[in-house]
N, C-alpha and C. Protein backbone atom coordinates (compact mmCIF):
# COMPACT_ATOMS: atom_id res chain seq x y z
N MET A 1 24.08 2.25 -4.18
CA MET A 1 23.16 1.67 -5.01
C MET A 1 21.37 2.17 -4.54
N SER A 2 21.15 2.21 -5.45
CA SER A 2 19.41 3.01 -5.16
C SER A 2 18.56 1.51 -5.02
N THR A 3 17.90 1.79 -4.34
CA THR A 3 16.86 0.20 -3.84
C THR A 3 15.55 0.52 -4.35
N HIS A 4 15.04 -0.34 -4.58
CA HIS A 4 13.26 -0.04 -4.40
C HIS A 4 12.68 1.25 -3.66
N ALA A 5 13.05 0.40 -2.32
CA ALA A 5 12.07 1.40 -1.34
C ALA A 5 12.64 2.86 -1.59
N GLN A 6 14.24 3.04 -1.74
CA GLN A 6 14.01 4.21 -2.40
C GLN A 6 13.65 5.04 -3.15
N ARG A 7 13.83 4.39 -4.10
CA ARG A 7 12.62 5.06 -5.21
C ARG A 7 11.60 5.30 -5.19
N GLU A 8 10.87 4.30 -4.38
CA GLU A 8 9.49 4.85 -4.03
C GLU A 8 9.27 5.40 -3.57
N ARG A 9 10.33 6.23 -2.16
CA ARG A 9 10.26 6.92 -1.79
C ARG A 9 9.82 7.90 -2.42
N LEU A 10 10.86 8.33 -3.38
CA LEU A 10 11.18 9.97 -3.85
C LEU A 10 9.79 9.74 -4.47
N LEU A 11 9.86 8.75 -5.10
CA LEU A 11 8.35 9.37 -6.02
C LEU A 11 7.16 9.37 -5.51
N LEU A 12 7.14 8.77 -4.10
CA LEU A 12 6.00 9.32 -3.29
C LEU A 12 5.68 10.61 -2.87
N ALA A 13 7.24 11.36 -2.61
CA ALA A 13 7.29 12.50 -2.22
C ALA A 13 7.00 13.64 -2.90
N ASP A 14 7.56 13.49 -4.67
CA ASP A 14 7.31 14.30 -5.50
C ASP A 14 5.40 14.36 -5.84
N LEU A 15 5.25 13.20 -6.06
CA LEU A 15 4.00 12.98 -6.22
C LEU A 15 2.61 14.04 -5.01
N LEU A 16 2.93 13.69 -3.76
CA LEU A 16 2.62 14.58 -2.75
C LEU A 16 2.61 15.74 -2.47
N GLU A 17 3.73 16.23 -2.99
CA GLU A 17 4.01 17.67 -3.60
C GLU A 17 3.61 18.17 -4.56
N THR A 18 3.44 17.39 -5.72
CA THR A 18 2.39 17.98 -6.86
C THR A 18 1.29 18.35 -6.52
N VAL A 19 0.73 16.90 -5.92
CA VAL A 19 -0.74 17.22 -5.84
C VAL A 19 -1.19 18.43 -4.60
N GLY A 20 -0.30 18.49 -3.60
CA GLY A 20 -0.72 19.33 -3.20
C GLY A 20 -1.51 19.15 -1.50
N PRO A 21 -1.41 19.57 -0.55
CA PRO A 21 -2.15 18.88 0.89
C PRO A 21 -3.50 18.91 0.37
N ASN A 22 -4.35 19.31 -0.27
CA ASN A 22 -5.60 18.47 0.08
C ASN A 22 -6.12 17.74 -0.76
N ALA A 23 -5.00 16.83 -1.70
CA ALA A 23 -5.93 16.52 -2.74
C ALA A 23 -5.91 15.10 -1.78
N PRO A 24 -7.21 14.78 -2.58
CA PRO A 24 -7.77 13.01 -2.32
C PRO A 24 -6.81 12.05 -2.29
N THR A 25 -7.31 11.07 -1.54
CA THR A 25 -6.59 9.80 -1.49
C THR A 25 -7.54 8.45 -1.71
N LEU A 26 -7.21 7.24 -1.49
CA LEU A 26 -8.27 6.34 -1.91
C LEU A 26 -8.07 5.40 -0.33
N CYS A 27 -7.62 6.73 0.72
CA CYS A 27 -7.44 5.97 1.97
C CYS A 27 -8.70 6.93 2.80
N ALA A 28 -10.09 6.20 2.48
CA ALA A 28 -10.82 6.58 2.99
C ALA A 28 -10.99 8.14 3.11
N ASP A 29 -11.06 9.11 4.14
CA ASP A 29 -11.01 10.02 4.06
C ASP A 29 -10.15 11.25 4.11
N TRP A 30 -8.57 10.24 4.02
CA TRP A 30 -7.65 11.47 4.66
C TRP A 30 -7.28 12.11 2.93
N ARG A 31 -6.61 13.13 3.20
CA ARG A 31 -6.02 13.85 2.36
C ARG A 31 -4.70 13.54 2.00
N ALA A 32 -3.94 13.82 1.14
CA ALA A 32 -2.50 13.89 1.20
C ALA A 32 -1.80 14.40 2.42
N ARG A 33 -2.38 15.38 2.60
CA ARG A 33 -1.67 15.98 4.18
C ARG A 33 -1.74 14.29 5.18
N ASP A 34 -2.57 14.13 5.20
CA ASP A 34 -2.69 13.21 6.13
C ASP A 34 -2.22 11.49 5.90
N LEU A 35 -1.90 11.36 4.62
CA LEU A 35 -1.39 10.48 4.20
C LEU A 35 0.38 10.68 4.14
N ALA A 36 0.80 11.82 4.19
CA ALA A 36 2.39 11.96 4.41
C ALA A 36 2.48 11.89 6.04
N ALA A 37 1.30 12.55 6.99
CA ALA A 37 1.41 12.51 8.60
C ALA A 37 1.74 10.81 8.44
N HIS A 38 0.51 10.08 8.28
CA HIS A 38 1.02 8.53 8.57
C HIS A 38 2.24 8.33 8.05
N VAL A 39 2.69 8.34 6.82
CA VAL A 39 4.27 7.79 6.53
C VAL A 39 5.10 8.19 7.18
N VAL A 40 5.30 9.42 7.93
CA VAL A 40 6.33 10.18 8.69
C VAL A 40 6.00 9.72 10.25
N VAL A 41 4.92 9.32 10.56
CA VAL A 41 4.46 8.85 12.17
C VAL A 41 5.44 7.58 11.84
N ARG A 42 4.81 6.55 10.99
CA ARG A 42 5.55 5.20 11.04
C ARG A 42 6.19 4.76 11.13
N GLU A 43 7.74 5.71 10.28
CA GLU A 43 8.93 5.62 10.54
C GLU A 43 9.73 6.35 11.93
N ARG A 44 9.21 7.37 12.28
CA ARG A 44 9.70 7.94 13.55
C ARG A 44 8.93 8.17 14.49
N ARG A 45 7.74 7.57 14.46
CA ARG A 45 7.22 7.40 15.71
C ARG A 45 7.01 6.08 16.46
N ALA A 46 7.50 5.51 16.36
CA ALA A 46 7.48 4.12 16.82
C ALA A 46 6.45 4.40 17.82
N ASP A 47 6.30 4.58 19.19
CA ASP A 47 5.97 4.37 19.88
C ASP A 47 3.84 4.43 19.88
N ALA A 48 4.34 5.55 18.60
CA ALA A 48 2.84 5.70 18.24
C ALA A 48 2.31 4.60 16.85
N ALA A 49 3.03 4.87 15.86
CA ALA A 49 2.89 3.56 14.86
C ALA A 49 2.28 2.38 15.83
N ALA A 50 3.10 1.62 16.55
CA ALA A 50 1.99 0.22 16.84
C ALA A 50 0.76 0.62 17.09
N GLY A 51 0.22 1.48 16.93
CA GLY A 51 -1.50 1.46 16.93
C GLY A 51 -1.77 1.07 15.45
N ILE A 52 -1.05 0.84 14.68
CA ILE A 52 -1.16 0.92 13.32
C ILE A 52 -2.05 -0.75 13.49
N VAL A 53 -1.26 -2.10 14.27
CA VAL A 53 -1.83 -2.80 14.63
C VAL A 53 -2.47 -3.95 15.72
N PHE A 54 -1.79 -2.67 16.48
CA PHE A 54 -2.00 -2.62 18.28
C PHE A 54 -3.64 -2.09 18.67
N LYS A 55 -4.57 -2.56 18.27
CA LYS A 55 -5.65 -1.39 18.12
C LYS A 55 -5.86 -0.76 19.94
N PRO A 56 -5.23 -1.24 20.82
CA PRO A 56 -5.21 -0.16 22.22
C PRO A 56 -4.38 0.86 21.84
N LEU A 57 -3.78 1.18 21.18
CA LEU A 57 -2.97 1.93 20.97
C LEU A 57 -3.20 3.18 19.83
N ALA A 58 -4.57 2.64 19.47
CA ALA A 58 -5.06 3.26 18.21
C ALA A 58 -5.24 5.00 18.67
N ALA A 59 -5.78 5.16 19.41
CA ALA A 59 -6.15 6.46 19.49
C ALA A 59 -4.82 7.28 20.04
N ARG A 60 -4.01 6.62 20.08
CA ARG A 60 -2.60 7.63 20.49
C ARG A 60 -1.91 8.02 18.76
N LEU A 61 -2.05 6.39 17.84
CA LEU A 61 -1.69 7.09 16.95
C LEU A 61 -2.28 8.12 16.27
N GLU A 62 -3.84 8.00 16.26
CA GLU A 62 -4.52 9.08 15.73
C GLU A 62 -4.23 10.44 16.02
N ARG A 63 -3.86 10.93 18.01
CA ARG A 63 -3.50 12.21 18.46
C ARG A 63 -2.16 12.28 17.72
N VAL A 64 -1.34 11.39 17.91
CA VAL A 64 0.15 11.50 17.40
C VAL A 64 0.51 12.22 15.91
N GLN A 65 -0.58 11.37 15.19
CA GLN A 65 -0.78 11.40 13.13
C GLN A 65 -1.52 12.81 13.31
N ALA A 66 -2.55 13.10 13.92
CA ALA A 66 -3.24 14.96 13.76
C ALA A 66 -2.12 15.92 14.03
N GLU A 67 -0.94 15.66 14.81
CA GLU A 67 -0.10 16.47 15.44
C GLU A 67 0.80 16.56 14.02
N PHE A 68 1.11 15.65 13.58
CA PHE A 68 2.06 15.57 12.61
C PHE A 68 1.57 16.29 10.93
N ALA A 69 0.16 15.91 11.12
CA ALA A 69 -0.41 16.36 9.96
C ALA A 69 -0.72 17.88 9.98
N ALA A 70 -0.81 18.59 11.02
CA ALA A 70 -0.87 20.09 11.83
C ALA A 70 0.86 20.81 11.33
N LYS A 71 1.62 19.71 10.76
CA LYS A 71 2.84 21.05 10.86
C LYS A 71 2.82 21.32 9.17
N PRO A 72 3.62 21.82 8.77
CA PRO A 72 3.44 22.50 7.63
C PRO A 72 4.22 21.38 6.51
N TYR A 73 3.56 21.43 5.53
CA TYR A 73 3.01 20.31 4.57
C TYR A 73 4.46 20.18 3.77
N GLU A 74 5.50 21.19 3.52
CA GLU A 74 6.33 20.77 2.32
C GLU A 74 7.74 20.29 3.83
N GLU A 75 7.11 20.66 5.49
CA GLU A 75 7.85 19.98 6.08
C GLU A 75 7.56 18.31 6.52
N LEU A 76 6.53 17.90 5.90
CA LEU A 76 6.60 16.03 5.77
C LEU A 76 6.81 15.57 4.88
N ILE A 77 6.81 16.72 3.55
CA ILE A 77 7.45 15.89 1.88
C ILE A 77 8.79 15.29 2.59
N GLN A 78 9.13 16.89 3.26
CA GLN A 78 11.51 16.94 3.54
C GLN A 78 11.13 15.77 4.48
N LEU A 79 10.50 15.45 4.98
CA LEU A 79 10.77 14.31 6.41
C LEU A 79 10.95 13.01 5.32
N ILE A 80 9.57 13.04 4.52
CA ILE A 80 9.54 11.92 3.73
C ILE A 80 11.01 11.36 3.03
N ARG A 81 10.92 12.42 2.18
CA ARG A 81 12.20 12.45 1.19
C ARG A 81 13.97 11.84 2.11
N THR A 82 14.15 12.67 2.88
CA THR A 82 15.34 12.38 3.94
C THR A 82 15.25 11.16 4.81
N GLY A 83 14.32 10.54 4.51
CA GLY A 83 13.41 9.09 5.31
C GLY A 83 14.12 9.41 6.77
N PRO A 84 13.79 7.84 7.72
CA PRO A 84 14.05 7.72 8.89
C PRO A 84 15.20 8.41 9.52
N PRO A 85 15.21 8.98 10.71
CA PRO A 85 16.69 9.14 11.47
C PRO A 85 17.44 8.18 11.62
N ARG A 86 18.72 7.86 11.28
CA ARG A 86 19.98 7.34 11.78
C ARG A 86 19.77 6.00 12.68
N LEU A 87 18.94 6.29 14.17
CA LEU A 87 18.96 5.58 14.48
C LEU A 87 17.68 4.05 14.94
N SER A 88 16.74 4.96 13.43
CA SER A 88 15.32 4.03 14.03
C SER A 88 15.49 2.70 12.63
N PRO A 89 14.83 1.29 12.98
CA PRO A 89 15.42 0.17 12.18
C PRO A 89 15.56 0.50 10.80
N TYR A 90 14.45 1.28 10.34
CA TYR A 90 14.02 2.13 9.22
C TYR A 90 15.02 2.28 8.43
N ALA A 91 16.24 3.21 9.27
CA ALA A 91 17.26 3.64 8.16
C ALA A 91 18.31 2.50 7.68
N LEU A 92 18.42 1.02 8.24
CA LEU A 92 19.15 0.11 7.63
C LEU A 92 18.13 -0.46 6.56
N LYS A 93 19.05 -0.37 4.93
CA LYS A 93 18.63 -0.86 4.12
C LYS A 93 17.81 -2.17 3.90
N PRO A 94 18.57 -2.90 4.23
CA PRO A 94 17.18 -4.20 4.17
C PRO A 94 16.10 -3.94 5.26
N VAL A 95 15.96 -3.48 6.09
CA VAL A 95 14.78 -3.60 6.83
C VAL A 95 14.17 -2.55 5.71
N ASP A 96 14.66 -1.44 5.67
CA ASP A 96 14.11 -0.07 4.36
C ASP A 96 13.03 -1.18 3.36
N GLU A 97 14.24 -2.03 2.71
CA GLU A 97 13.63 -2.91 1.63
C GLU A 97 12.83 -3.59 1.89
N ALA A 98 12.71 -4.39 2.84
CA ALA A 98 11.55 -5.17 2.84
C ALA A 98 10.30 -4.60 3.57
N ALA A 99 10.51 -3.26 4.00
CA ALA A 99 9.21 -3.09 5.31
C ALA A 99 8.44 -1.71 4.41
N ASN A 100 9.54 -1.19 3.22
CA ASN A 100 8.94 0.29 2.93
C ASN A 100 8.09 -0.02 1.23
N THR A 101 9.48 -1.10 0.38
CA THR A 101 8.95 -1.43 -1.02
C THR A 101 7.35 -1.16 -1.49
N VAL A 102 6.89 -1.84 -0.92
CA VAL A 102 5.21 -1.98 -1.21
C VAL A 102 4.58 -0.82 -0.68
N GLU A 103 4.61 -0.57 0.84
CA GLU A 103 4.21 0.34 1.52
C GLU A 103 4.52 2.02 0.80
N PHE A 104 5.13 2.19 -0.37
CA PHE A 104 5.22 3.44 -0.88
C PHE A 104 4.81 3.43 -2.13
N PHE A 105 5.07 2.08 -2.76
CA PHE A 105 4.30 1.79 -3.51
C PHE A 105 2.73 2.10 -3.76
N VAL A 106 2.22 1.20 -2.78
CA VAL A 106 0.79 1.27 -2.73
C VAL A 106 0.32 2.97 -2.30
N HIS A 107 0.83 3.42 -1.60
CA HIS A 107 0.50 4.87 -0.98
C HIS A 107 0.43 5.86 -2.11
N THR A 108 1.78 5.55 -3.36
CA THR A 108 1.84 6.55 -4.19
C THR A 108 0.78 6.10 -5.25
N GLU A 109 0.29 4.94 -5.51
CA GLU A 109 -0.64 4.63 -6.01
C GLU A 109 -2.34 5.03 -5.48
N ASP A 110 -2.36 5.28 -4.23
CA ASP A 110 -3.47 5.75 -3.16
C ASP A 110 -3.08 7.35 -3.73
N VAL A 111 -2.33 7.65 -3.86
CA VAL A 111 -2.35 9.06 -4.21
C VAL A 111 -2.94 9.53 -5.44
N ARG A 112 -2.26 8.39 -6.52
CA ARG A 112 -1.70 8.93 -8.47
C ARG A 112 -3.64 8.64 -8.64
N ARG A 113 -4.09 7.49 -8.00
CA ARG A 113 -5.37 7.33 -8.60
C ARG A 113 -6.69 7.96 -7.83
N ALA A 114 -6.50 8.23 -6.74
CA ALA A 114 -7.40 9.44 -6.39
C ALA A 114 -7.59 10.59 -7.38
N GLN A 115 -6.57 10.78 -8.21
CA GLN A 115 -6.68 12.09 -9.03
C GLN A 115 -8.13 12.07 -10.01
N SER A 116 -8.65 12.74 -10.48
CA SER A 116 -9.80 13.18 -11.69
C SER A 116 -9.05 12.30 -13.00
N GLU A 117 -7.95 12.64 -13.25
CA GLU A 117 -7.23 12.26 -14.57
C GLU A 117 -6.01 11.70 -14.84
N TRP A 118 -6.46 10.54 -13.43
CA TRP A 118 -4.99 9.75 -13.35
C TRP A 118 -4.31 8.63 -14.54
N THR A 119 -2.97 8.35 -15.09
CA THR A 119 -2.80 7.72 -15.62
C THR A 119 -2.02 5.97 -15.17
N ALA A 120 -2.33 5.22 -15.55
CA ALA A 120 -1.43 3.99 -15.12
C ALA A 120 0.46 4.21 -15.15
N ARG A 121 0.49 4.02 -14.36
CA ARG A 121 2.00 4.19 -14.09
C ARG A 121 2.90 2.81 -15.13
N GLU A 122 3.53 2.39 -15.57
CA GLU A 122 4.80 1.67 -16.10
C GLU A 122 5.60 0.72 -15.18
N VAL A 123 5.34 -0.27 -14.37
CA VAL A 123 6.46 -0.70 -14.06
C VAL A 123 7.33 -1.43 -14.54
N ASP A 124 8.38 -1.71 -14.63
CA ASP A 124 9.59 -2.28 -15.20
C ASP A 124 9.69 -3.87 -14.49
N PRO A 125 10.27 -5.03 -15.52
CA PRO A 125 9.75 -5.77 -14.74
C PRO A 125 11.01 -6.27 -13.76
N VAL A 126 11.81 -5.42 -13.27
CA VAL A 126 12.46 -6.11 -12.19
C VAL A 126 11.53 -6.13 -11.12
N PHE A 127 11.12 -4.35 -11.12
CA PHE A 127 9.77 -4.38 -10.11
C PHE A 127 8.99 -4.66 -9.64
N ALA A 128 8.30 -5.50 -10.64
CA ALA A 128 7.31 -5.98 -11.45
C ALA A 128 7.59 -7.57 -10.45
N ASP A 129 8.81 -7.79 -10.54
CA ASP A 129 8.88 -9.05 -9.87
C ASP A 129 9.26 -9.16 -8.57
N ALA A 130 10.20 -7.97 -8.33
CA ALA A 130 9.91 -8.15 -6.86
C ALA A 130 8.86 -7.80 -6.22
N LEU A 131 7.47 -7.12 -6.53
CA LEU A 131 6.27 -6.63 -6.05
C LEU A 131 5.96 -8.01 -5.91
N TRP A 132 5.85 -9.13 -7.01
CA TRP A 132 5.31 -10.57 -6.86
C TRP A 132 5.81 -11.55 -6.12
N SER A 133 7.55 -11.42 -5.87
CA SER A 133 8.15 -12.08 -4.91
C SER A 133 7.51 -11.62 -3.39
N ARG A 134 7.26 -10.20 -2.77
CA ARG A 134 6.69 -10.38 -1.69
C ARG A 134 5.24 -10.44 -1.85
N LEU A 135 4.74 -10.21 -2.81
CA LEU A 135 3.31 -10.42 -2.81
C LEU A 135 2.77 -12.13 -2.17
N GLU A 136 3.91 -13.11 -3.15
CA GLU A 136 3.75 -14.54 -2.70
C GLU A 136 4.07 -15.20 -1.53
N ARG A 137 4.87 -14.00 -0.58
CA ARG A 137 5.23 -14.35 0.52
C ARG A 137 3.67 -13.63 1.64
N THR A 138 3.28 -12.75 1.05
CA THR A 138 2.46 -12.49 2.20
C THR A 138 0.46 -12.49 2.06
N ALA A 139 0.25 -13.07 0.81
CA ALA A 139 -1.06 -13.17 0.06
C ALA A 139 -1.86 -13.84 0.84
N ARG A 140 -1.42 -14.67 1.77
CA ARG A 140 -2.24 -15.97 2.65
C ARG A 140 -2.69 -14.93 3.89
N LEU A 141 -1.34 -13.70 4.40
CA LEU A 141 -1.89 -12.46 5.64
C LEU A 141 -2.85 -11.66 4.65
N LEU A 142 -2.83 -11.19 3.29
CA LEU A 142 -3.52 -10.36 2.91
C LEU A 142 -5.10 -10.51 2.67
N GLY A 143 -4.93 -11.90 2.56
CA GLY A 143 -6.45 -12.40 1.49
C GLY A 143 -7.09 -13.73 2.88
N ARG A 144 -6.69 -13.37 4.22
CA ARG A 144 -7.05 -14.59 5.37
C ARG A 144 -8.48 -13.72 5.59
N ARG A 145 -9.30 -12.83 5.33
CA ARG A 145 -10.36 -12.58 5.72
C ARG A 145 -11.60 -12.43 4.29
N ALA A 146 -10.68 -12.64 3.62
CA ALA A 146 -11.42 -13.34 2.37
C ALA A 146 -12.68 -14.05 2.30
N PRO A 147 -13.93 -13.38 2.02
CA PRO A 147 -14.84 -14.59 2.08
C PRO A 147 -15.46 -15.65 1.45
N VAL A 148 -14.40 -15.84 0.21
CA VAL A 148 -14.19 -16.97 -0.69
C VAL A 148 -13.15 -17.11 -0.84
N GLY A 149 -12.94 -18.52 -1.66
CA GLY A 149 -11.06 -18.79 -2.45
C GLY A 149 -11.34 -17.47 -2.94
N LEU A 150 -9.75 -17.78 -2.96
CA LEU A 150 -9.06 -16.01 -3.58
C LEU A 150 -7.51 -16.74 -4.32
N VAL A 151 -7.40 -16.68 -5.64
CA VAL A 151 -6.28 -17.16 -6.26
C VAL A 151 -5.66 -15.52 -7.06
N LEU A 152 -4.37 -14.98 -6.69
CA LEU A 152 -4.02 -14.50 -7.71
C LEU A 152 -3.06 -14.96 -8.64
N ARG A 153 -3.44 -14.48 -9.67
CA ARG A 153 -2.56 -14.69 -11.17
C ARG A 153 -2.19 -13.74 -11.95
N ARG A 154 -0.49 -14.00 -12.45
CA ARG A 154 -0.16 -13.26 -13.24
C ARG A 154 -0.70 -13.11 -14.47
N PRO A 155 -0.52 -12.59 -15.87
CA PRO A 155 -0.79 -13.16 -17.01
C PRO A 155 0.30 -14.20 -17.06
N ASP A 156 1.33 -14.42 -17.37
CA ASP A 156 1.86 -15.45 -17.51
C ASP A 156 1.25 -16.85 -16.74
N GLY A 157 0.77 -16.64 -16.13
CA GLY A 157 0.16 -17.95 -15.29
C GLY A 157 0.50 -18.54 -14.17
N ARG A 158 1.58 -17.49 -13.69
CA ARG A 158 1.95 -18.29 -11.91
C ARG A 158 1.20 -17.42 -11.23
N THR A 159 0.89 -18.50 -9.91
CA THR A 159 -0.30 -17.85 -9.50
C THR A 159 0.11 -18.21 -7.90
N ALA A 160 -0.72 -17.39 -6.61
CA ALA A 160 -0.27 -17.31 -4.98
C ALA A 160 -1.97 -17.72 -5.08
N VAL A 161 -1.65 -18.27 -3.88
CA VAL A 161 -3.40 -18.47 -2.80
C VAL A 161 -3.24 -18.00 -2.20
N ALA A 162 -4.48 -16.32 -1.62
CA ALA A 162 -4.17 -16.04 -1.22
C ALA A 162 -5.66 -16.41 0.09
N HIS A 163 -6.27 -17.63 -0.55
CA HIS A 163 -6.98 -17.63 0.55
C HIS A 163 -8.05 -19.02 -0.01
N ARG A 164 -7.99 -20.12 0.82
CA ARG A 164 -8.19 -21.56 1.04
C ARG A 164 -9.90 -21.34 0.76
N GLY A 165 -10.50 -21.78 -0.11
CA GLY A 165 -11.79 -22.44 0.29
C GLY A 165 -12.75 -22.18 -1.15
N ALA A 166 -13.91 -22.56 -0.80
CA ALA A 166 -14.87 -23.01 -2.30
C ALA A 166 -16.11 -22.13 -2.09
N PRO A 167 -16.88 -21.71 -3.04
CA PRO A 167 -16.00 -21.42 -4.30
C PRO A 167 -14.70 -20.52 -4.44
N VAL A 168 -13.79 -20.48 -5.56
CA VAL A 168 -12.99 -19.74 -5.87
C VAL A 168 -13.13 -19.22 -6.55
N VAL A 169 -12.31 -17.46 -6.58
CA VAL A 169 -12.28 -16.34 -7.44
C VAL A 169 -11.18 -16.42 -7.55
N THR A 170 -10.54 -16.37 -9.07
CA THR A 170 -9.50 -15.98 -9.69
C THR A 170 -9.21 -14.49 -10.11
N VAL A 171 -7.83 -14.09 -9.56
CA VAL A 171 -7.33 -12.55 -9.67
C VAL A 171 -6.76 -12.06 -10.74
N THR A 172 -6.66 -11.87 -12.26
CA THR A 172 -5.51 -11.92 -12.81
C THR A 172 -5.40 -10.48 -13.07
N GLY A 173 -3.38 -10.00 -13.06
CA GLY A 173 -3.58 -9.25 -13.55
C GLY A 173 -2.07 -8.95 -13.57
N GLU A 174 -1.22 -7.40 -13.29
CA GLU A 174 0.43 -7.72 -13.49
C GLU A 174 0.36 -7.38 -12.15
N PRO A 175 1.33 -7.50 -11.10
CA PRO A 175 2.47 -8.18 -9.94
C PRO A 175 1.37 -6.39 -9.22
N GLY A 176 1.95 -5.54 -9.56
CA GLY A 176 1.65 -4.03 -9.18
C GLY A 176 -0.06 -4.24 -8.93
N GLU A 177 -0.64 -4.23 -9.87
CA GLU A 177 -2.18 -4.57 -10.18
C GLU A 177 -3.03 -5.31 -8.95
N LEU A 178 -2.02 -6.64 -8.75
CA LEU A 178 -2.76 -7.65 -7.90
C LEU A 178 -2.25 -7.42 -6.41
N THR A 179 -0.84 -6.08 -6.38
CA THR A 179 -0.51 -6.05 -4.87
C THR A 179 -2.16 -4.73 -4.44
N LEU A 180 -2.41 -4.16 -5.43
CA LEU A 180 -3.02 -2.93 -5.04
C LEU A 180 -4.19 -3.72 -4.76
N PHE A 181 -5.03 -4.67 -5.41
CA PHE A 181 -6.00 -5.29 -5.10
C PHE A 181 -5.59 -6.47 -3.83
N ALA A 182 -4.96 -7.21 -3.40
CA ALA A 182 -4.43 -7.86 -2.08
C ALA A 182 -4.43 -6.81 -1.01
N PHE A 183 -3.97 -5.22 -1.15
CA PHE A 183 -3.90 -4.41 -0.08
C PHE A 183 -5.92 -3.91 0.07
N GLY A 184 -6.94 -4.53 -0.88
CA GLY A 184 -7.58 -3.34 -0.15
C GLY A 184 -8.12 -2.72 -1.45
N ARG A 185 -7.39 -2.34 -2.06
CA ARG A 185 -7.62 -1.38 -3.47
C ARG A 185 -8.33 -1.77 -4.23
N GLN A 186 -9.31 -2.74 -4.33
CA GLN A 186 -10.19 -3.36 -4.97
C GLN A 186 -10.66 -2.38 -6.20
N ASP A 187 -11.45 -1.89 -6.16
CA ASP A 187 -11.74 -0.71 -7.01
C ASP A 187 -10.82 0.15 -7.83
N ALA A 188 -9.57 0.29 -7.54
CA ALA A 188 -8.70 1.17 -8.22
C ALA A 188 -7.70 0.00 -9.05
N ALA A 189 -7.73 -1.25 -8.74
CA ALA A 189 -7.03 -2.20 -9.59
C ALA A 189 -7.49 -2.50 -10.99
N GLN A 190 -6.48 -2.75 -11.82
CA GLN A 190 -6.77 -3.20 -13.28
C GLN A 190 -6.15 -4.15 -13.30
N VAL A 191 -7.73 -5.19 -12.76
CA VAL A 191 -7.76 -6.51 -12.86
C VAL A 191 -8.93 -7.26 -13.34
N GLU A 192 -8.49 -8.39 -13.86
CA GLU A 192 -9.75 -9.14 -13.97
C GLU A 192 -9.94 -10.75 -13.92
N LEU A 193 -11.66 -10.65 -12.68
CA LEU A 193 -11.83 -11.53 -12.10
C LEU A 193 -13.10 -12.88 -12.94
N GLU A 194 -12.73 -14.07 -12.33
CA GLU A 194 -13.19 -15.35 -12.62
C GLU A 194 -14.11 -15.66 -11.74
N GLY A 195 -15.16 -15.94 -11.56
CA GLY A 195 -15.41 -17.01 -10.65
C GLY A 195 -17.17 -16.92 -10.90
N GLU A 196 -18.33 -17.63 -9.97
CA GLU A 196 -19.23 -17.87 -10.03
C GLU A 196 -19.85 -15.88 -9.58
N LYS A 197 -21.03 -15.80 -10.05
CA LYS A 197 -21.34 -14.38 -9.88
C LYS A 197 -21.43 -14.27 -8.09
N ASP A 198 -22.14 -14.94 -7.24
CA ASP A 198 -22.52 -15.18 -5.83
C ASP A 198 -20.75 -15.15 -5.10
N ALA A 199 -20.17 -15.44 -5.75
CA ALA A 199 -18.46 -15.57 -5.11
C ALA A 199 -18.39 -14.13 -5.51
N LEU A 200 -18.10 -13.47 -6.74
CA LEU A 200 -17.60 -11.96 -7.12
C LEU A 200 -18.57 -11.11 -6.35
N ALA A 201 -20.21 -11.60 -5.87
CA ALA A 201 -20.04 -10.58 -5.45
C ALA A 201 -19.59 -10.15 -3.69
N LYS A 202 -19.17 -11.66 -2.93
CA LYS A 202 -18.72 -11.76 -2.21
C LYS A 202 -17.46 -10.89 -2.02
N LEU A 203 -16.56 -11.25 -2.63
CA LEU A 203 -15.64 -10.65 -2.41
C LEU A 203 -15.35 -9.25 -2.50
N ARG A 204 -16.58 -8.67 -3.76
CA ARG A 204 -16.32 -7.30 -3.48
C ARG A 204 -16.53 -6.32 -2.48
N GLU A 205 -17.77 -6.86 -1.96
CA GLU A 205 -18.00 -7.18 -0.64
C GLU A 205 -17.38 -6.82 0.83
N GLY A 206 -16.06 -7.96 0.61
CA GLY A 206 -15.73 -8.15 1.63
C GLY A 206 -14.15 -7.20 1.68
N THR A 207 -13.42 -7.83 2.76
CA THR A 207 -12.14 -6.69 3.44
C THR A 207 -11.35 -7.86 3.05
N LEU A 208 -10.24 -7.38 2.38
CA LEU A 208 -8.63 -7.56 1.99
C LEU A 208 -7.64 -6.91 2.80
N GLY A 209 -6.60 -7.57 2.48
CA GLY A 209 -5.17 -6.31 2.79
C GLY A 209 -5.20 -6.60 4.87
N ILE A 210 -4.01 -5.88 4.97
CA ILE A 210 -3.65 -5.56 6.74
C ILE A 210 -4.96 -5.39 7.85
């Protein structure tokens, strides 16, 4: 049975193949090639991927990622499609689903929304609920550096508190859009913000995400 993570993996690989290695992404100065290398290193080089969260290893991560980015682009895409090696924790379906569902969704949108004529993707209700469930569990982590109180709200009224404080900004949108917002893609997320003018300005200048 296909999982959300497996589906998002294939969607990301297909999109990367379509746009080509030099296409822009929402990830700072990364091109599609750099993003593909990041995905592969994260799954296949745990010794370097630790630098994503452990800053003393950041230089090693950058070096290894540059080495992978220099590989043929088609090879990187194939490595994404086929997934991690058998001995990797990511090869276990529960781990893959927990760790990669949101990762691949966000990176797919990083590529899609950086193109000049991107179109919004229709997210089915089951997947939307899966994204929301994960967002509820990680909202406090993603919003810990928010400069104001931050509440994420679905159109049906369900909410998740990302940061306690005052004044409060409420961000309303579909789960996929709220996920992108919480992961630091505020400018690309299709959401509505409610709050005091100064609070809105502080939030736009603040940092969200891992």
